[in-house]
Amino acid sequence: MKGPGRLSREWIRDMRVAWLFLLAATVVLSGVTAASVWVYGGVAQAHALTSMGLGYEVTFTGTNATGVLGDAGTVTGTLRITVVNPSPRVLDFDSVSYKAWIEDLPAEAGLTNLGRTDQALVNETGTHLFYMAFYGSLEVSPVPIPAGGQSTLPLALNLTRVSGPAAFAALQNITAYAAAVRGSADGIPWTVWVQLGLPIEGVPTPDFAAPTYQFEVGRVVISGGVDLGG
């Protein structure tokens, strides 16, 4: 028969083993929890803190001396899209949606039968009419945006009489009017809007049948500029 002292020692030993097991399990669970917090905290930061800067320039080639766009000319919209990523997760440029409008001076002057639809922009100088000359969306080759860093994506959009006949004809009309009234077609105002899709590296892609929000978690969507609609 075992004495009370032996039972006490065995009980203490068993309790030590149980406490050590519990301590080890707690440490592992805490590590997993901390890792999950870091992972999803980084994803939340990517959504909340990522920002975009947008630079653009529109150039005309194939114009006459006063800037009127000729039939063989080209209109090039050059975008420089810079994304600042303060989060601990790497992002990627993936998809770009864009719109660009030129101020429709003939429409503002009250000319009729122009055959196009404009969008109104109201600011401190009054109400202005803008014609959407560029619009679309495209996928781009992935360009990494490092954690805690930034990257710039240059993008050139070309419009010709062949690629966009209606928009090209509108630009010919607008530049011809500006040249006739102002003496030059230079300096006609433009406004631009861009939206980006930025996948977050390391976030698993959900099953195609998953709820929409699961797809949204792994992808940052941000926009810049002024969207006039259309």
C-alpha atoms as a PDB file:
ATOM      1  CA  MET A   1       0.000   0.000   0.000  1.00  0.00           C
ATOM      2  CA  LYS A   2       1.219   3.457  -0.895  1.00  0.00           C
ATOM      3  CA  GLY A   3       1.620   5.882   1.935  1.00  0.00           C
ATOM      4  CA  PRO A   4       0.130   9.385   2.088  1.00  0.00           C
ATOM      5  CA  GLY A   5       3.503  10.980   1.348  1.00  0.00           C
ATOM      6  CA  ARG A   6       3.942   9.031  -1.870  1.00  0.00           C
ATOM      7  CA  LEU A   7       0.423   9.918  -3.005  1.00  0.00           C
ATOM      8  CA  SER A   8       1.114  13.557  -2.283  1.00  0.00           C
ATOM      9  CA  ARG A   9       4.347  13.531  -4.296  1.00  0.00           C
ATOM     10  CA  GLU A  10       2.670  11.846  -7.284  1.00  0.00           C
ATOM     11  CA  TRP A  11      -0.211  14.307  -7.144  1.00  0.00           C
ATOM     12  CA  ILE A  12       2.197  17.237  -7.094  1.00  0.00           C
ATOM     13  CA  ARG A  13       4.141  15.750 -10.027  1.00  0.00           C
ATOM     14  CA  ASP A  14       0.948  15.214 -12.034  1.00  0.00           C
ATOM     15  CA  MET A  15      -0.191  18.731 -11.285  1.00  0.00           C
ATOM     16  CA  ARG A  16       3.172  20.106 -12.426  1.00  0.00           C
ATOM     17  CA  VAL A  17       2.870  18.194 -15.701  1.00  0.00           C
ATOM     18  CA  ALA A  18      -0.665  19.469 -16.187  1.00  0.00           C
ATOM     19  CA  TRP A  19       0.372  23.077 -15.496  1.00  0.00           C
ATOM     20  CA  LEU A  20       3.368  22.799 -17.823  1.00  0.00           C
ATOM     21  CA  PHE A  21       1.117  21.439 -20.551  1.00  0.00           C
ATOM     22  CA  LEU A  22      -1.368  24.235 -19.974  1.00  0.00           C
ATOM     23  CA  LEU A  23       1.427  26.802 -20.014  1.00  0.00           C
ATOM     24  CA  ALA A  24       2.824  25.415 -23.278  1.00  0.00           C
ATOM     25  CA  ALA A  25      -0.616  25.398 -24.847  1.00  0.00           C
ATOM     26  CA  THR A  26      -1.184  28.984 -23.719  1.00  0.00           C
ATOM     27  CA  VAL A  27       2.140  30.088 -25.215  1.00  0.00           C
ATOM     28  CA  VAL A  28       1.349  28.395 -28.533  1.00  0.00           C
ATOM     29  CA  LEU A  29      -2.155  29.849 -28.604  1.00  0.00           C
ATOM     30  CA  SER A  30      -0.817  33.287 -27.759  1.00  0.00           C
ATOM     31  CA  GLY A  31       1.709  32.999 -30.594  1.00  0.00           C
ATOM     32  CA  VAL A  32      -0.974  31.971 -33.053  1.00  0.00           C
ATOM     33  CA  THR A  33      -3.228  34.772 -31.859  1.00  0.00           C
ATOM     34  CA  ALA A  34      -0.423  37.325 -32.119  1.00  0.00           C
ATOM     35  CA  ALA A  35       0.421  36.123 -35.620  1.00  0.00           C
ATOM     36  CA  SER A  36      -3.236  36.379 -36.633  1.00  0.00           C
ATOM     37  CA  VAL A  37      -3.467  39.871 -35.185  1.00  0.00           C
ATOM     38  CA  TRP A  38      -0.312  40.874 -37.093  1.00  0.00           C
ATOM     39  CA  VAL A  39      -1.564  39.372 -40.359  1.00  0.00           C
ATOM     40  CA  TYR A  40      -5.058  40.807 -40.263  1.00  0.00           C
ATOM     41  CA  GLY A  41      -3.905  44.001 -38.599  1.00  0.00           C
ATOM     42  CA  GLY A  42      -1.605  44.518 -41.578  1.00  0.00           C
ATOM     43  CA  VAL A  43      -4.482  43.871 -43.962  1.00  0.00           C
ATOM     44  CA  ALA A  44      -6.632  46.409 -42.118  1.00  0.00           C
ATOM     45  CA  GLN A  45      -3.815  48.968 -42.299  1.00  0.00           C
ATOM     46  CA  ALA A  46      -3.481  48.381 -46.035  1.00  0.00           C
ATOM     47  CA  HIS A  47      -7.168  49.172 -46.489  1.00  0.00           C
ATOM     48  CA  ALA A  48      -7.176  52.162 -44.158  1.00  0.00           C
ATOM     49  CA  LEU A  49      -3.851  53.872 -44.874  1.00  0.00           C
ATOM     50  CA  THR A  50      -3.011  53.331 -48.554  1.00  0.00           C
ATOM     51  CA  SER A  51      -3.200  56.557 -50.565  1.00  0.00           C
ATOM     52  CA  MET A  52      -2.824  57.591 -54.194  1.00  0.00           C
ATOM     53  CA  GLY A  53      -1.319  60.585 -55.980  1.00  0.00           C
ATOM     54  CA  LEU A  54      -2.303  61.333 -59.565  1.00  0.00           C
ATOM     55  CA  GLY A  55      -0.432  63.347 -62.160  1.00  0.00           C
ATOM     56  CA  TYR A  56      -1.545  63.687 -65.766  1.00  0.00           C
ATOM     57  CA  GLU A  57      -0.704  65.438 -68.989  1.00  0.00           C
ATOM     58  CA  VAL A  58      -2.568  65.551 -72.298  1.00  0.00           C
ATOM     59  CA  THR A  59      -0.639  66.226 -75.512  1.00  0.00           C
ATOM     60  CA  PHE A  60      -1.789  66.658 -79.108  1.00  0.00           C
ATOM     61  CA  THR A  61       0.297  65.660 -82.122  1.00  0.00           C
ATOM     62  CA  GLY A  62      -0.642  66.300 -85.737  1.00  0.00           C
ATOM     63  CA  THR A  63      -2.102  69.768 -85.148  1.00  0.00           C
ATOM     64  CA  ASN A  64      -1.894  72.894 -87.268  1.00  0.00           C
ATOM     65  CA  ALA A  65      -0.230  76.150 -86.241  1.00  0.00           C
ATOM     66  CA  THR A  66      -3.130  77.190 -84.007  1.00  0.00           C
ATOM     67  CA  GLY A  67      -3.481  73.780 -82.317  1.00  0.00           C
ATOM     68  CA  VAL A  68      -6.447  72.416 -84.238  1.00  0.00           C
ATOM     69  CA  LEU A  69      -6.370  68.622 -84.291  1.00  0.00           C
ATOM     70  CA  GLY A  70      -5.917  67.167 -87.777  1.00  0.00           C
ATOM     71  CA  ASP A  71      -7.408  63.954 -89.129  1.00  0.00           C
ATOM     72  CA  ALA A  72      -4.068  62.118 -88.823  1.00  0.00           C
ATOM     73  CA  GLY A  73      -3.360  63.445 -85.326  1.00  0.00           C
ATOM     74  CA  THR A  74      -3.121  61.665 -81.994  1.00  0.00           C
ATOM     75  CA  VAL A  75      -4.228  62.679 -78.517  1.00  0.00           C
ATOM     76  CA  THR A  76      -2.137  61.131 -75.738  1.00  0.00           C
ATOM     77  CA  GLY A  77      -3.145  61.151 -72.099  1.00  0.00           C
ATOM     78  CA  THR A  78      -0.202  60.312 -69.845  1.00  0.00           C
ATOM     79  CA  LEU A  79      -0.978  59.299 -66.264  1.00  0.00           C
ATOM     80  CA  ARG A  80       1.515  58.941 -63.426  1.00  0.00           C
ATOM     81  CA  ILE A  81      -0.157  57.058 -60.598  1.00  0.00           C
ATOM     82  CA  THR A  82       1.791  56.914 -57.322  1.00  0.00           C
ATOM     83  CA  VAL A  83       0.610  54.688 -54.463  1.00  0.00           C
ATOM     84  CA  VAL A  84       1.935  55.182 -50.926  1.00  0.00           C
ATOM     85  CA  ASN A  85       1.702  52.017 -48.810  1.00  0.00           C
ATOM     86  CA  PRO A  86       2.425  52.571 -45.082  1.00  0.00           C
ATOM     87  CA  SER A  87       1.207  49.078 -44.149  1.00  0.00           C
ATOM     88  CA  PRO A  88       3.410  46.016 -43.423  1.00  0.00           C
ATOM     89  CA  ARG A  89       1.904  44.175 -46.413  1.00  0.00           C
ATOM     90  CA  VAL A  90       3.138  44.248 -50.032  1.00  0.00           C
ATOM     91  CA  LEU A  91       0.563  45.441 -52.567  1.00  0.00           C
ATOM     92  CA  ASP A  92       0.484  45.099 -56.359  1.00  0.00           C
ATOM     93  CA  PHE A  93      -0.797  47.309 -59.155  1.00  0.00           C
ATOM     94  CA  ASP A  94      -3.307  45.075 -60.895  1.00  0.00           C
ATOM     95  CA  SER A  95      -6.211  46.889 -62.542  1.00  0.00           C
ATOM     96  CA  VAL A  96      -6.865  50.493 -63.562  1.00  0.00           C
ATOM     97  CA  SER A  97     -10.147  52.195 -64.435  1.00  0.00           C
ATOM     98  CA  TYR A  98      -9.938  55.710 -65.861  1.00  0.00           C
ATOM     99  CA  LYS A  99     -11.947  58.617 -67.242  1.00  0.00           C
ATOM    100  CA  ALA A 100     -10.707  61.915 -68.661  1.00  0.00           C
ATOM    101  CA  TRP A 101     -12.820  64.914 -69.680  1.00  0.00           C
ATOM    102  CA  ILE A 102     -11.994  68.032 -71.693  1.00  0.00           C
ATOM    103  CA  GLU A 103     -13.853  71.290 -71.195  1.00  0.00           C
ATOM    104  CA  ASP A 104     -16.422  71.572 -73.989  1.00  0.00           C
ATOM    105  CA  LEU A 105     -16.059  75.240 -74.931  1.00  0.00           C
ATOM    106  CA  PRO A 106     -18.492  75.156 -77.906  1.00  0.00           C
ATOM    107  CA  ALA A 107     -21.224  73.645 -75.716  1.00  0.00           C
ATOM    108  CA  GLU A 108     -20.628  76.260 -73.019  1.00  0.00           C
ATOM    109  CA  ALA A 109     -21.008  78.950 -75.688  1.00  0.00           C
ATOM    110  CA  GLY A 110     -24.471  77.616 -76.473  1.00  0.00           C
ATOM    111  CA  LEU A 111     -23.729  76.011 -79.846  1.00  0.00           C
ATOM    112  CA  THR A 112     -26.312  73.373 -80.700  1.00  0.00           C
ATOM    113  CA  ASN A 113     -26.389  70.152 -82.733  1.00  0.00           C
ATOM    114  CA  LEU A 114     -22.986  69.073 -81.445  1.00  0.00           C
ATOM    115  CA  GLY A 115     -24.209  65.498 -81.050  1.00  0.00           C
ATOM    116  CA  ARG A 116     -22.530  64.787 -77.734  1.00  0.00           C
ATOM    117  CA  THR A 117     -23.345  64.584 -74.026  1.00  0.00           C
ATOM    118  CA  ASP A 118     -21.468  66.636 -71.445  1.00  0.00           C
ATOM    119  CA  GLN A 119     -21.105  66.529 -67.679  1.00  0.00           C
ATOM    120  CA  ALA A 120     -21.342  69.638 -65.513  1.00  0.00           C
ATOM    121  CA  LEU A 121     -18.570  70.676 -63.135  1.00  0.00           C
ATOM    122  CA  VAL A 122     -19.513  73.416 -60.680  1.00  0.00           C
ATOM    123  CA  ASN A 123     -16.730  75.313 -58.926  1.00  0.00           C
ATOM    124  CA  GLU A 124     -15.903  78.794 -57.684  1.00  0.00           C
ATOM    125  CA  THR A 125     -15.783  80.141 -61.252  1.00  0.00           C
ATOM    126  CA  GLY A 126     -19.218  78.857 -62.252  1.00  0.00           C
ATOM    127  CA  THR A 127     -20.669  75.900 -64.121  1.00  0.00           C
ATOM    128  CA  HIS A 128     -18.493  74.272 -66.772  1.00  0.00           C
ATOM    129  CA  LEU A 129     -19.322  71.528 -69.261  1.00  0.00           C
ATOM    130  CA  PHE A 130     -16.895  68.666 -69.812  1.00  0.00           C
ATOM    131  CA  TYR A 131     -16.855  66.005 -72.510  1.00  0.00           C
ATOM    132  CA  MET A 132     -15.518  62.524 -71.641  1.00  0.00           C
ATOM    133  CA  ALA A 133     -12.819  61.799 -74.237  1.00  0.00           C
ATOM    134  CA  PHE A 134     -11.084  58.839 -72.541  1.00  0.00           C
ATOM    135  CA  TYR A 135     -12.627  56.054 -70.504  1.00  0.00           C
ATOM    136  CA  GLY A 136     -12.046  52.368 -69.903  1.00  0.00           C
ATOM    137  CA  SER A 137     -10.391  49.816 -67.667  1.00  0.00           C
ATOM    138  CA  LEU A 138      -7.453  47.497 -68.113  1.00  0.00           C
ATOM    139  CA  GLU A 139      -5.264  45.034 -66.306  1.00  0.00           C
ATOM    140  CA  VAL A 140      -1.575  45.850 -65.975  1.00  0.00           C
ATOM    141  CA  SER A 141       1.458  43.693 -65.331  1.00  0.00           C
ATOM    142  CA  PRO A 142       1.889  43.481 -61.533  1.00  0.00           C
ATOM    143  CA  VAL A 143       4.111  46.234 -60.128  1.00  0.00           C
ATOM    144  CA  PRO A 144       4.931  45.657 -56.422  1.00  0.00           C
ATOM    145  CA  ILE A 145       4.306  48.426 -53.914  1.00  0.00           C
ATOM    146  CA  PRO A 146       6.634  47.528 -51.017  1.00  0.00           C
ATOM    147  CA  ALA A 147       5.557  47.489 -47.398  1.00  0.00           C
ATOM    148  CA  GLY A 148       6.231  50.887 -45.927  1.00  0.00           C
ATOM    149  CA  GLY A 149       7.097  52.287 -49.368  1.00  0.00           C
ATOM    150  CA  GLN A 150       5.656  53.532 -52.629  1.00  0.00           C
ATOM    151  CA  SER A 151       5.664  52.843 -56.373  1.00  0.00           C
ATOM    152  CA  THR A 152       4.657  54.799 -59.466  1.00  0.00           C
ATOM    153  CA  LEU A 153       2.846  53.382 -62.484  1.00  0.00           C
ATOM    154  CA  PRO A 154       3.135  55.367 -65.740  1.00  0.00           C
ATOM    155  CA  LEU A 155       0.284  54.804 -68.166  1.00  0.00           C
ATOM    156  CA  ALA A 156      -0.149  56.260 -71.684  1.00  0.00           C
ATOM    157  CA  LEU A 157      -3.567  56.349 -73.373  1.00  0.00           C
ATOM    158  CA  ASN A 158      -3.798  57.148 -77.098  1.00  0.00           C
ATOM    159  CA  LEU A 159      -6.810  58.367 -79.057  1.00  0.00           C
ATOM    160  CA  THR A 160      -6.937  58.576 -82.851  1.00  0.00           C
ATOM    161  CA  ARG A 161      -9.608  58.967 -85.508  1.00  0.00           C
ATOM    162  CA  VAL A 162      -9.556  55.183 -85.950  1.00  0.00           C
ATOM    163  CA  SER A 163      -9.516  54.096 -82.300  1.00  0.00           C
ATOM    164  CA  GLY A 164     -12.273  56.446 -81.127  1.00  0.00           C
ATOM    165  CA  PRO A 165     -13.992  58.264 -83.998  1.00  0.00           C
ATOM    166  CA  ALA A 166     -16.732  60.000 -81.956  1.00  0.00           C
ATOM    167  CA  ALA A 167     -14.359  61.259 -79.242  1.00  0.00           C
ATOM    168  CA  PHE A 168     -11.777  62.283 -81.841  1.00  0.00           C
ATOM    169  CA  ALA A 169     -14.368  64.280 -83.787  1.00  0.00           C
ATOM    170  CA  ALA A 170     -15.432  66.025 -80.573  1.00  0.00           C
ATOM    171  CA  LEU A 171     -11.821  66.984 -79.841  1.00  0.00           C
ATOM    172  CA  GLN A 172     -11.403  68.328 -83.376  1.00  0.00           C
ATOM    173  CA  ASN A 173     -14.502  70.477 -82.882  1.00  0.00           C
ATOM    174  CA  ILE A 174     -13.391  71.722 -79.452  1.00  0.00           C
ATOM    175  CA  THR A 175      -9.852  72.596 -80.617  1.00  0.00           C
ATOM    176  CA  ALA A 176     -11.182  74.324 -83.752  1.00  0.00           C
ATOM    177  CA  TYR A 177     -13.553  76.437 -81.662  1.00  0.00           C
ATOM    178  CA  ALA A 178     -10.807  77.373 -79.184  1.00  0.00           C
ATOM    179  CA  ALA A 179      -8.475  78.370 -82.044  1.00  0.00           C
ATOM    180  CA  ALA A 180     -11.172  80.495 -83.685  1.00  0.00           C
ATOM    181  CA  VAL A 181     -12.212  82.289 -80.487  1.00  0.00           C
ATOM    182  CA  ARG A 182      -8.948  82.439 -78.538  1.00  0.00           C
ATOM    183  CA  GLY A 183      -6.444  82.284 -81.371  1.00  0.00           C
ATOM    184  CA  SER A 184      -5.004  79.021 -80.014  1.00  0.00           C
ATOM    185  CA  ALA A 185      -6.233  75.636 -78.845  1.00  0.00           C
ATOM    186  CA  ASP A 186      -3.529  75.387 -76.183  1.00  0.00           C
ATOM    187  CA  GLY A 187      -4.475  75.248 -72.522  1.00  0.00           C
ATOM    188  CA  ILE A 188      -7.975  73.775 -72.742  1.00  0.00           C
ATOM    189  CA  PRO A 189      -8.731  72.402 -69.226  1.00  0.00           C
ATOM    190  CA  TRP A 190      -8.955  68.673 -68.540  1.00  0.00           C
ATOM    191  CA  THR A 191     -10.028  66.720 -65.476  1.00  0.00           C
ATOM    192  CA  VAL A 192      -9.179  63.085 -64.718  1.00  0.00           C
ATOM    193  CA  TRP A 193     -10.405  60.287 -62.439  1.00  0.00           C
ATOM    194  CA  VAL A 194      -8.643  56.958 -61.760  1.00  0.00           C
ATOM    195  CA  GLN A 195      -9.576  53.908 -59.689  1.00  0.00           C
ATOM    196  CA  LEU A 196      -7.073  51.187 -58.773  1.00  0.00           C
ATOM    197  CA  GLY A 197      -7.384  47.568 -57.719  1.00  0.00           C
ATOM    198  CA  LEU A 198      -4.429  46.557 -55.515  1.00  0.00           C
ATOM    199  CA  PRO A 199      -4.248  42.908 -54.396  1.00  0.00           C
ATOM    200  CA  ILE A 200      -2.644  42.359 -50.973  1.00  0.00           C
ATOM    201  CA  GLU A 201       0.117  39.759 -51.231  1.00  0.00           C
ATOM    202  CA  GLY A 202      -0.245  36.754 -48.940  1.00  0.00           C
ATOM    203  CA  VAL A 203      -4.032  36.932 -48.556  1.00  0.00           C
ATOM    204  CA  PRO A 204      -5.535  33.643 -49.818  1.00  0.00           C
ATOM    205  CA  THR A 205      -7.891  33.840 -52.768  1.00  0.00           C
ATOM    206  CA  PRO A 206     -11.351  32.689 -51.625  1.00  0.00           C
ATOM    207  CA  ASP A 207     -13.410  30.055 -53.371  1.00  0.00           C
ATOM    208  CA  PHE A 208     -15.474  31.416 -56.264  1.00  0.00           C
ATOM    209  CA  ALA A 209     -18.664  30.771 -54.278  1.00  0.00           C
ATOM    210  CA  ALA A 210     -17.466  32.743 -51.242  1.00  0.00           C
ATOM    211  CA  PRO A 211     -19.333  35.882 -50.100  1.00  0.00           C
ATOM    212  CA  THR A 212     -18.332  39.148 -51.771  1.00  0.00           C
ATOM    213  CA  TYR A 213     -16.745  40.579 -48.638  1.00  0.00           C
ATOM    214  CA  GLN A 214     -14.131  37.803 -48.621  1.00  0.00           C
ATOM    215  CA  PHE A 215     -12.913  38.952 -52.035  1.00  0.00           C
ATOM    216  CA  GLU A 216     -12.866  42.555 -50.840  1.00  0.00           C
ATOM    217  CA  VAL A 217     -10.642  41.716 -47.839  1.00  0.00           C
ATOM    218  CA  GLY A 218      -7.694  40.767 -50.034  1.00  0.00           C
ATOM    219  CA  ARG A 219      -7.908  43.730 -52.384  1.00  0.00           C
ATOM    220  CA  VAL A 220      -7.480  47.452 -51.743  1.00  0.00           C
ATOM    221  CA  VAL A 221      -9.600  49.696 -53.998  1.00  0.00           C
ATOM    222  CA  ILE A 222      -8.759  53.403 -54.049  1.00  0.00           C
ATOM    223  CA  SER A 223      -9.532  56.280 -56.388  1.00  0.00           C
ATOM    224  CA  GLY A 224      -8.260  59.765 -57.122  1.00  0.00           C
ATOM    225  CA  GLY A 225      -9.312  62.800 -59.103  1.00  0.00           C
ATOM    226  CA  VAL A 226     -12.884  63.972 -59.708  1.00  0.00           C
ATOM    227  CA  ASP A 227     -15.457  61.580 -61.162  1.00  0.00           C
ATOM    228  CA  LEU A 228     -17.942  63.594 -63.230  1.00  0.00           C
ATOM    229  CA  GLY A 229     -19.890  60.466 -64.213  1.00  0.00           C
ATOM    230  CA  GLY A 230     -20.856  59.750 -67.776  1.00  0.00           C
END
